[in-house]
């Protein structure tokens, strides 16, 4: 399988790639924070955030289709969680229908809130995908460590990145073994087979984790992330950070000015 599906384009040479990972992480954090502070129904403001992210994507030279395809995977999860908001949010009735003797109504405010949740989730995931696509994982983890994020969190992300490929290969091997040994069968039989595969994968992952921990402890691992290149802020980081902060501040001021 291909093992570069997370940071396939992280070795580019664009302006976004050359920025310090700490600068890009703080920028993504500020963008997501600004999205969270934006009220529902401010569609012009959401459009401004989208234009800002689109400009950053163009500067990164990462294929637009790659980012869009990866970002759309979040939409079903958001809809599953937020699909009931229009039915329970109070406000002016937009539509109503009966399920037996039970009447359900959809409010304008609920639909507006649902759209805002979907927009915020999609724009946030776009910024995170751009961060991952322009930053090698080792440098990003080193940057998070220097930003004083909890070491347990950084270690967990590091192990997840290193071993998700091994677990994916393990799943593919188990699937191939299942397909070569099982032909047909009822749906219940296939469900039991998938359940057995999940249990086996959990046991193998646990045992592998024990072996990896023992091997790393024997080699003196202390939980730090080490890279061959040192991180350092450059003038480009200062200009990029200041410019992005000014744009976000202008968007938020416009948002609150019109809201008041």
C-alpha atoms as a PDB file:
ATOM      1  CA  UNK A   1       0.000   0.000   0.000  1.00  0.00           C
ATOM      2  CA  UNK A   2       1.023   3.651  -0.320  1.00  0.00           C
ATOM      3  CA  UNK A   3       2.371   4.986   2.964  1.00  0.00           C
ATOM      4  CA  UNK A   4       2.254   8.681   2.057  1.00  0.00           C
ATOM      5  CA  UNK A   5      -1.457   9.353   2.181  1.00  0.00           C
ATOM      6  CA  UNK A   6      -1.182  11.643   5.220  1.00  0.00           C
ATOM      7  CA  UNK A   7       1.630  14.016   4.156  1.00  0.00           C
ATOM      8  CA  UNK A   8       2.137  13.121   0.507  1.00  0.00           C
ATOM      9  CA  UNK A   9       3.018  16.674  -0.555  1.00  0.00           C
ATOM     10  CA  UNK A  10       4.897  17.759   2.562  1.00  0.00           C
ATOM     11  CA  UNK A  11       8.312  17.830   0.823  1.00  0.00           C
ATOM     12  CA  UNK A  12       7.436  20.694  -1.541  1.00  0.00           C
ATOM     13  CA  UNK A  13       9.309  23.967  -1.956  1.00  0.00           C
ATOM     14  CA  UNK A  14       6.536  26.560  -1.833  1.00  0.00           C
ATOM     15  CA  UNK A  15       6.273  29.474   0.586  1.00  0.00           C
ATOM     16  CA  UNK A  16       3.931  27.480   2.824  1.00  0.00           C
ATOM     17  CA  UNK A  17       6.370  24.560   2.934  1.00  0.00           C
ATOM     18  CA  UNK A  18       9.290  26.792   3.936  1.00  0.00           C
ATOM     19  CA  UNK A  19       7.478  28.324   6.903  1.00  0.00           C
ATOM     20  CA  UNK A  20       8.321  27.142  10.395  1.00  0.00           C
ATOM     21  CA  UNK A  21       5.849  24.436  11.550  1.00  0.00           C
ATOM     22  CA  UNK A  22       5.122  26.437  14.695  1.00  0.00           C
ATOM     23  CA  UNK A  23       4.037  29.392  12.569  1.00  0.00           C
ATOM     24  CA  UNK A  24       1.685  27.217  10.539  1.00  0.00           C
ATOM     25  CA  UNK A  25       0.250  25.513  13.613  1.00  0.00           C
ATOM     26  CA  UNK A  26      -0.449  28.835  15.349  1.00  0.00           C
ATOM     27  CA  UNK A  27      -1.984  30.179  12.132  1.00  0.00           C
ATOM     28  CA  UNK A  28      -4.283  27.147  11.836  1.00  0.00           C
ATOM     29  CA  UNK A  29      -5.228  27.499  15.509  1.00  0.00           C
ATOM     30  CA  UNK A  30      -6.093  31.200  15.099  1.00  0.00           C
ATOM     31  CA  UNK A  31      -8.142  30.475  11.991  1.00  0.00           C
ATOM     32  CA  UNK A  32     -10.143  27.752  13.742  1.00  0.00           C
ATOM     33  CA  UNK A  33     -10.607  30.025  16.779  1.00  0.00           C
ATOM     34  CA  UNK A  34     -11.910  32.800  14.538  1.00  0.00           C
ATOM     35  CA  UNK A  35     -14.336  30.359  12.931  1.00  0.00           C
ATOM     36  CA  UNK A  36     -15.581  29.285  16.348  1.00  0.00           C
ATOM     37  CA  UNK A  37     -16.231  32.933  17.309  1.00  0.00           C
ATOM     38  CA  UNK A  38     -18.307  33.625  14.190  1.00  0.00           C
ATOM     39  CA  UNK A  39     -22.067  33.620  14.695  1.00  0.00           C
ATOM     40  CA  UNK A  40     -24.411  31.455  12.589  1.00  0.00           C
ATOM     41  CA  UNK A  41     -25.847  33.123   9.538  1.00  0.00           C
ATOM     42  CA  UNK A  42     -22.784  35.267   8.771  1.00  0.00           C
ATOM     43  CA  UNK A  43     -22.375  33.747   5.297  1.00  0.00           C
ATOM     44  CA  UNK A  44     -20.326  36.640   3.925  1.00  0.00           C
ATOM     45  CA  UNK A  45     -17.860  36.151   6.771  1.00  0.00           C
ATOM     46  CA  UNK A  46     -17.657  32.420   6.082  1.00  0.00           C
ATOM     47  CA  UNK A  47     -17.043  33.250   2.417  1.00  0.00           C
ATOM     48  CA  UNK A  48     -14.153  35.490   3.487  1.00  0.00           C
ATOM     49  CA  UNK A  49     -12.628  32.637   5.488  1.00  0.00           C
ATOM     50  CA  UNK A  50     -12.985  30.370   2.453  1.00  0.00           C
ATOM     51  CA  UNK A  51     -11.231  32.903   0.207  1.00  0.00           C
ATOM     52  CA  UNK A  52      -8.411  33.196   2.751  1.00  0.00           C
ATOM     53  CA  UNK A  53      -7.933  29.419   2.868  1.00  0.00           C
ATOM     54  CA  UNK A  54      -8.131  29.220  -0.941  1.00  0.00           C
ATOM     55  CA  UNK A  55      -5.318  31.779  -1.223  1.00  0.00           C
ATOM     56  CA  UNK A  56      -3.184  29.744   1.192  1.00  0.00           C
ATOM     57  CA  UNK A  57      -3.868  26.578  -0.808  1.00  0.00           C
ATOM     58  CA  UNK A  58      -2.753  28.295  -3.997  1.00  0.00           C
ATOM     59  CA  UNK A  59       0.404  29.530  -2.265  1.00  0.00           C
ATOM     60  CA  UNK A  60       1.158  25.986  -1.096  1.00  0.00           C
ATOM     61  CA  UNK A  61       0.917  24.544  -4.657  1.00  0.00           C
ATOM     62  CA  UNK A  62      -0.766  21.444  -3.233  1.00  0.00           C
ATOM     63  CA  UNK A  63      -3.299  19.994  -5.723  1.00  0.00           C
ATOM     64  CA  UNK A  64      -6.686  21.543  -5.006  1.00  0.00           C
ATOM     65  CA  UNK A  65      -8.536  18.334  -5.856  1.00  0.00           C
ATOM     66  CA  UNK A  66      -6.468  16.415  -3.283  1.00  0.00           C
ATOM     67  CA  UNK A  67      -7.430  18.830  -0.503  1.00  0.00           C
ATOM     68  CA  UNK A  68     -11.096  18.961  -1.504  1.00  0.00           C
ATOM     69  CA  UNK A  69     -11.452  15.171  -1.682  1.00  0.00           C
ATOM     70  CA  UNK A  70      -9.902  14.740   1.751  1.00  0.00           C
ATOM     71  CA  UNK A  71     -11.983  17.532   3.279  1.00  0.00           C
ATOM     72  CA  UNK A  72     -15.312  16.096   2.108  1.00  0.00           C
ATOM     73  CA  UNK A  73     -14.815  13.019   4.293  1.00  0.00           C
ATOM     74  CA  UNK A  74     -15.758  15.082   7.360  1.00  0.00           C
ATOM     75  CA  UNK A  75     -19.175  16.119   6.038  1.00  0.00           C
ATOM     76  CA  UNK A  76     -21.021  12.793   6.718  1.00  0.00           C
ATOM     77  CA  UNK A  77     -19.800  12.757  10.333  1.00  0.00           C
ATOM     78  CA  UNK A  78     -20.914  16.354  10.857  1.00  0.00           C
ATOM     79  CA  UNK A  79     -24.332  15.677   9.366  1.00  0.00           C
ATOM     80  CA  UNK A  80     -24.851  12.585  11.512  1.00  0.00           C
ATOM     81  CA  UNK A  81     -24.160  14.653  14.631  1.00  0.00           C
ATOM     82  CA  UNK A  82     -25.928  17.878  13.645  1.00  0.00           C
ATOM     83  CA  UNK A  83     -28.817  16.633  11.496  1.00  0.00           C
ATOM     84  CA  UNK A  84     -31.283  16.877  14.408  1.00  0.00           C
ATOM     85  CA  UNK A  85     -30.496  20.525  15.207  1.00  0.00           C
ATOM     86  CA  UNK A  86     -33.222  21.978  12.925  1.00  0.00           C
ATOM     87  CA  UNK A  87     -35.863  19.880  14.724  1.00  0.00           C
ATOM     88  CA  UNK A  88     -34.977  20.914  18.285  1.00  0.00           C
ATOM     89  CA  UNK A  89     -33.787  24.492  17.812  1.00  0.00           C
ATOM     90  CA  UNK A  90     -36.575  26.935  18.613  1.00  0.00           C
ATOM     91  CA  UNK A  91     -37.591  29.787  16.360  1.00  0.00           C
ATOM     92  CA  UNK A  92     -39.743  30.596  13.363  1.00  0.00           C
ATOM     93  CA  UNK A  93     -41.181  27.483  11.753  1.00  0.00           C
ATOM     94  CA  UNK A  94     -39.828  26.736   8.286  1.00  0.00           C
ATOM     95  CA  UNK A  95     -41.696  23.467   7.657  1.00  0.00           C
ATOM     96  CA  UNK A  96     -43.579  20.781   9.543  1.00  0.00           C
ATOM     97  CA  UNK A  97     -44.716  17.240   9.006  1.00  0.00           C
ATOM     98  CA  UNK A  98     -46.266  14.372  10.927  1.00  0.00           C
ATOM     99  CA  UNK A  99     -44.841  10.983  11.853  1.00  0.00           C
ATOM    100  CA  UNK A 100     -47.988   9.228  12.976  1.00  0.00           C
ATOM    101  CA  UNK A 101     -49.436  11.484  15.657  1.00  0.00           C
ATOM    102  CA  UNK A 102     -46.089  13.163  16.332  1.00  0.00           C
ATOM    103  CA  UNK A 103     -45.552  16.533  14.640  1.00  0.00           C
ATOM    104  CA  UNK A 104     -42.017  17.603  13.778  1.00  0.00           C
ATOM    105  CA  UNK A 105     -41.181  21.190  12.868  1.00  0.00           C
ATOM    106  CA  UNK A 106     -38.059  22.616  11.270  1.00  0.00           C
ATOM    107  CA  UNK A 107     -37.099  26.151  12.280  1.00  0.00           C
ATOM    108  CA  UNK A 108     -35.256  28.806  10.295  1.00  0.00           C
ATOM    109  CA  UNK A 109     -32.806  29.252  13.162  1.00  0.00           C
ATOM    110  CA  UNK A 110     -32.182  25.502  13.270  1.00  0.00           C
ATOM    111  CA  UNK A 111     -31.381  25.335   9.564  1.00  0.00           C
ATOM    112  CA  UNK A 112     -29.123  28.345   9.954  1.00  0.00           C
ATOM    113  CA  UNK A 113     -27.293  26.710  12.846  1.00  0.00           C
ATOM    114  CA  UNK A 114     -26.923  23.456  10.904  1.00  0.00           C
ATOM    115  CA  UNK A 115     -25.375  25.332   7.984  1.00  0.00           C
ATOM    116  CA  UNK A 116     -23.021  27.171  10.335  1.00  0.00           C
ATOM    117  CA  UNK A 117     -21.863  23.935  11.987  1.00  0.00           C
ATOM    118  CA  UNK A 118     -21.221  22.325   8.589  1.00  0.00           C
ATOM    119  CA  UNK A 119     -19.372  25.407   7.309  1.00  0.00           C
ATOM    120  CA  UNK A 120     -17.204  25.701  10.417  1.00  0.00           C
ATOM    121  CA  UNK A 121     -16.325  22.001  10.369  1.00  0.00           C
ATOM    122  CA  UNK A 122     -15.463  22.023   6.665  1.00  0.00           C
ATOM    123  CA  UNK A 123     -13.345  25.187   6.814  1.00  0.00           C
ATOM    124  CA  UNK A 124     -11.554  23.925   9.939  1.00  0.00           C
ATOM    125  CA  UNK A 125     -10.706  20.601   8.331  1.00  0.00           C
ATOM    126  CA  UNK A 126      -9.466  22.453   5.225  1.00  0.00           C
ATOM    127  CA  UNK A 127      -6.990  24.392   7.350  1.00  0.00           C
ATOM    128  CA  UNK A 128      -5.801  21.242   9.121  1.00  0.00           C
ATOM    129  CA  UNK A 129      -5.368  19.342   5.848  1.00  0.00           C
ATOM    130  CA  UNK A 130      -3.327  22.243   4.492  1.00  0.00           C
ATOM    131  CA  UNK A 131      -1.187  22.157   7.634  1.00  0.00           C
ATOM    132  CA  UNK A 132      -0.532  18.424   7.243  1.00  0.00           C
ATOM    133  CA  UNK A 133       0.046  18.663   3.487  1.00  0.00           C
ATOM    134  CA  UNK A 134       2.778  21.289   3.844  1.00  0.00           C
ATOM    135  CA  UNK A 135       4.573  20.040   6.958  1.00  0.00           C
ATOM    136  CA  UNK A 136       6.489  16.772   7.450  1.00  0.00           C
ATOM    137  CA  UNK A 137       5.113  14.985  10.472  1.00  0.00           C
ATOM    138  CA  UNK A 138       8.465  14.840  12.256  1.00  0.00           C
ATOM    139  CA  UNK A 139       8.908  18.623  12.009  1.00  0.00           C
ATOM    140  CA  UNK A 140       5.314  19.249  13.064  1.00  0.00           C
ATOM    141  CA  UNK A 141       5.749  17.078  16.159  1.00  0.00           C
ATOM    142  CA  UNK A 142       8.997  18.855  16.983  1.00  0.00           C
ATOM    143  CA  UNK A 143       7.214  22.191  16.656  1.00  0.00           C
ATOM    144  CA  UNK A 144       4.375  21.070  18.925  1.00  0.00           C
ATOM    145  CA  UNK A 145       6.908  19.946  21.494  1.00  0.00           C
ATOM    146  CA  UNK A 146       8.673  23.320  21.420  1.00  0.00           C
ATOM    147  CA  UNK A 147       5.309  25.051  21.813  1.00  0.00           C
ATOM    148  CA  UNK A 148       5.078  23.234  25.148  1.00  0.00           C
ATOM    149  CA  UNK A 149       2.153  20.994  24.267  1.00  0.00           C
ATOM    150  CA  UNK A 150       1.794  18.106  26.741  1.00  0.00           C
ATOM    151  CA  UNK A 151       4.460  15.515  25.996  1.00  0.00           C
ATOM    152  CA  UNK A 152       1.937  12.695  26.297  1.00  0.00           C
ATOM    153  CA  UNK A 153      -0.113  14.243  23.487  1.00  0.00           C
ATOM    154  CA  UNK A 154       2.936  14.656  21.254  1.00  0.00           C
ATOM    155  CA  UNK A 155       4.069  11.083  21.943  1.00  0.00           C
ATOM    156  CA  UNK A 156       0.588   9.738  21.169  1.00  0.00           C
ATOM    157  CA  UNK A 157       0.502  11.583  17.838  1.00  0.00           C
ATOM    158  CA  UNK A 158       4.000  10.348  17.046  1.00  0.00           C
ATOM    159  CA  UNK A 159       3.137   6.700  17.699  1.00  0.00           C
ATOM    160  CA  UNK A 160      -0.143   7.014  15.834  1.00  0.00           C
ATOM    161  CA  UNK A 161       1.649   8.329  12.748  1.00  0.00           C
ATOM    162  CA  UNK A 162       4.373   5.703  12.876  1.00  0.00           C
ATOM    163  CA  UNK A 163       2.196   2.655  13.386  1.00  0.00           C
ATOM    164  CA  UNK A 164      -1.026   3.477  11.564  1.00  0.00           C
ATOM    165  CA  UNK A 165       0.650   2.222   8.376  1.00  0.00           C
ATOM    166  CA  UNK A 166       1.662  -1.036  10.035  1.00  0.00           C
ATOM    167  CA  UNK A 167      -1.868  -1.581  11.332  1.00  0.00           C
ATOM    168  CA  UNK A 168      -3.294  -0.771   7.901  1.00  0.00           C
ATOM    169  CA  UNK A 169      -1.006  -3.369   6.315  1.00  0.00           C
ATOM    170  CA  UNK A 170      -2.092  -5.840   8.985  1.00  0.00           C
ATOM    171  CA  UNK A 171      -5.754  -5.234   8.150  1.00  0.00           C
ATOM    172  CA  UNK A 172      -5.087  -5.699   4.436  1.00  0.00           C
ATOM    173  CA  UNK A 173      -3.282  -8.987   5.056  1.00  0.00           C
ATOM    174  CA  UNK A 174      -6.132 -10.228   7.226  1.00  0.00           C
ATOM    175  CA  UNK A 175      -8.640  -9.202   4.568  1.00  0.00           C
ATOM    176  CA  UNK A 176      -6.675 -11.012   1.884  1.00  0.00           C
ATOM    177  CA  UNK A 177      -6.493 -14.126   4.051  1.00  0.00           C
ATOM    178  CA  UNK A 178     -10.243 -13.965   4.677  1.00  0.00           C
ATOM    179  CA  UNK A 179     -11.050 -13.552   0.979  1.00  0.00           C
ATOM    180  CA  UNK A 180      -8.832 -16.483   0.024  1.00  0.00           C
ATOM    181  CA  UNK A 181     -10.447 -18.819   2.590  1.00  0.00           C
ATOM    182  CA  UNK A 182     -14.107 -17.764   2.526  1.00  0.00           C
ATOM    183  CA  UNK A 183     -16.390 -17.886  -0.501  1.00  0.00           C
ATOM    184  CA  UNK A 184     -19.980 -16.753  -0.121  1.00  0.00           C
ATOM    185  CA  UNK A 185     -21.666 -17.379   3.206  1.00  0.00           C
ATOM    186  CA  UNK A 186     -24.561 -15.668   4.897  1.00  0.00           C
ATOM    187  CA  UNK A 187     -24.513 -12.083   6.098  1.00  0.00           C
ATOM    188  CA  UNK A 188     -24.380 -13.240   9.719  1.00  0.00           C
ATOM    189  CA  UNK A 189     -21.324 -15.345   8.906  1.00  0.00           C
ATOM    190  CA  UNK A 190     -19.563 -12.351   7.326  1.00  0.00           C
ATOM    191  CA  UNK A 191     -20.420 -10.167  10.323  1.00  0.00           C
ATOM    192  CA  UNK A 192     -18.936 -12.770  12.682  1.00  0.00           C
ATOM    193  CA  UNK A 193     -15.830 -12.931  10.523  1.00  0.00           C
ATOM    194  CA  UNK A 194     -15.361  -9.163  10.659  1.00  0.00           C
ATOM    195  CA  UNK A 195     -15.843  -9.246  14.443  1.00  0.00           C
ATOM    196  CA  UNK A 196     -13.200 -11.948  14.789  1.00  0.00           C
ATOM    197  CA  UNK A 197     -10.824  -9.922  12.612  1.00  0.00           C
ATOM    198  CA  UNK A 198     -11.351  -6.844  14.802  1.00  0.00           C
ATOM    199  CA  UNK A 199     -10.635  -8.835  17.965  1.00  0.00           C
ATOM    200  CA  UNK A 200      -7.523 -10.394  16.445  1.00  0.00           C
ATOM    201  CA  UNK A 201      -6.294  -6.987  15.306  1.00  0.00           C
ATOM    202  CA  UNK A 202      -6.772  -5.578  18.817  1.00  0.00           C
ATOM    203  CA  UNK A 203      -4.772  -8.427  20.389  1.00  0.00           C
ATOM    204  CA  UNK A 204      -1.983  -8.148  17.827  1.00  0.00           C
ATOM    205  CA  UNK A 205      -1.831  -4.368  18.302  1.00  0.00           C
ATOM    206  CA  UNK A 206      -1.617  -4.748  22.076  1.00  0.00           C
ATOM    207  CA  UNK A 207       1.160  -7.329  21.843  1.00  0.00           C
ATOM    208  CA  UNK A 208       3.045  -5.239  19.290  1.00  0.00           C
ATOM    209  CA  UNK A 209       2.764  -2.205  21.550  1.00  0.00           C
ATOM    210  CA  UNK A 210       4.303  -4.149  24.442  1.00  0.00           C
ATOM    211  CA  UNK A 211       7.205  -5.286  22.264  1.00  0.00           C
ATOM    212  CA  UNK A 212       7.782  -1.791  20.904  1.00  0.00           C
ATOM    213  CA  UNK A 213       7.737  -0.256  24.388  1.00  0.00           C
ATOM    214  CA  UNK A 214      10.257  -2.792  25.676  1.00  0.00           C
ATOM    215  CA  UNK A 215      12.550  -2.201  22.710  1.00  0.00           C
ATOM    216  CA  UNK A 216      12.375   1.600  23.027  1.00  0.00           C
ATOM    217  CA  UNK A 217      12.941   1.513  26.786  1.00  0.00           C
ATOM    218  CA  UNK A 218      15.999  -0.696  26.254  1.00  0.00           C
ATOM    219  CA  UNK A 219      17.399   1.915  23.856  1.00  0.00           C
ATOM    220  CA  UNK A 220      16.929   4.834  26.244  1.00  0.00           C
ATOM    221  CA  UNK A 221      13.927   6.541  24.687  1.00  0.00           C
ATOM    222  CA  UNK A 222      12.979   9.589  26.776  1.00  0.00           C
ATOM    223  CA  UNK A 223       9.886  10.804  24.924  1.00  0.00           C
ATOM    224  CA  UNK A 224      11.540  13.633  22.987  1.00  0.00           C
ATOM    225  CA  UNK A 225      11.091  14.243  19.270  1.00  0.00           C
ATOM    226  CA  UNK A 226      14.403  14.610  17.430  1.00  0.00           C
ATOM    227  CA  UNK A 227      14.972  15.850  13.893  1.00  0.00           C
ATOM    228  CA  UNK A 228      18.100  16.490  11.824  1.00  0.00           C
ATOM    229  CA  UNK A 229      17.056  20.081  11.037  1.00  0.00           C
ATOM    230  CA  UNK A 230      16.650  22.685  13.758  1.00  0.00           C
ATOM    231  CA  UNK A 231      13.569  24.849  13.819  1.00  0.00           C
ATOM    232  CA  UNK A 232      14.058  28.593  13.587  1.00  0.00           C
ATOM    233  CA  UNK A 233      11.795  31.552  12.920  1.00  0.00           C
ATOM    234  CA  UNK A 234      12.643  33.575   9.810  1.00  0.00           C
ATOM    235  CA  UNK A 235      11.467  36.941   8.538  1.00  0.00           C
ATOM    236  CA  UNK A 236       8.967  35.135   6.285  1.00  0.00           C
ATOM    237  CA  UNK A 237       7.360  33.608   9.386  1.00  0.00           C
ATOM    238  CA  UNK A 238       6.975  37.030  10.978  1.00  0.00           C
ATOM    239  CA  UNK A 239       5.466  38.569   7.833  1.00  0.00           C
ATOM    240  CA  UNK A 240       3.123  35.625   7.254  1.00  0.00           C
ATOM    241  CA  UNK A 241       1.963  35.508  10.866  1.00  0.00           C
ATOM    242  CA  UNK A 242       1.405  39.256  11.080  1.00  0.00           C
ATOM    243  CA  UNK A 243      -0.439  39.340   7.751  1.00  0.00           C
ATOM    244  CA  UNK A 244      -2.720  36.449   8.660  1.00  0.00           C
ATOM    245  CA  UNK A 245      -3.458  37.926  12.087  1.00  0.00           C
ATOM    246  CA  UNK A 246      -4.406  41.256  10.510  1.00  0.00           C
ATOM    247  CA  UNK A 247      -6.724  39.590   7.994  1.00  0.00           C
ATOM    248  CA  UNK A 248      -8.439  37.544  10.713  1.00  0.00           C
ATOM    249  CA  UNK A 249      -8.751  40.606  12.930  1.00  0.00           C
ATOM    250  CA  UNK A 250     -10.342  42.562  10.072  1.00  0.00           C
ATOM    251  CA  UNK A 251     -12.832  39.742   9.382  1.00  0.00           C
ATOM    252  CA  UNK A 252     -13.776  39.478  13.065  1.00  0.00           C
ATOM    253  CA  UNK A 253     -14.161  43.257  13.409  1.00  0.00           C
ATOM    254  CA  UNK A 254     -16.409  43.288  10.351  1.00  0.00           C
ATOM    255  CA  UNK A 255     -18.384  40.383  11.808  1.00  0.00           C
ATOM    256  CA  UNK A 256     -18.995  41.998  15.202  1.00  0.00           C
ATOM    257  CA  UNK A 257     -19.522  45.482  13.782  1.00  0.00           C
ATOM    258  CA  UNK A 258     -22.423  44.293  11.641  1.00  0.00           C
ATOM    259  CA  UNK A 259     -23.709  41.999  14.378  1.00  0.00           C
ATOM    260  CA  UNK A 260     -23.994  44.898  16.829  1.00  0.00           C
END
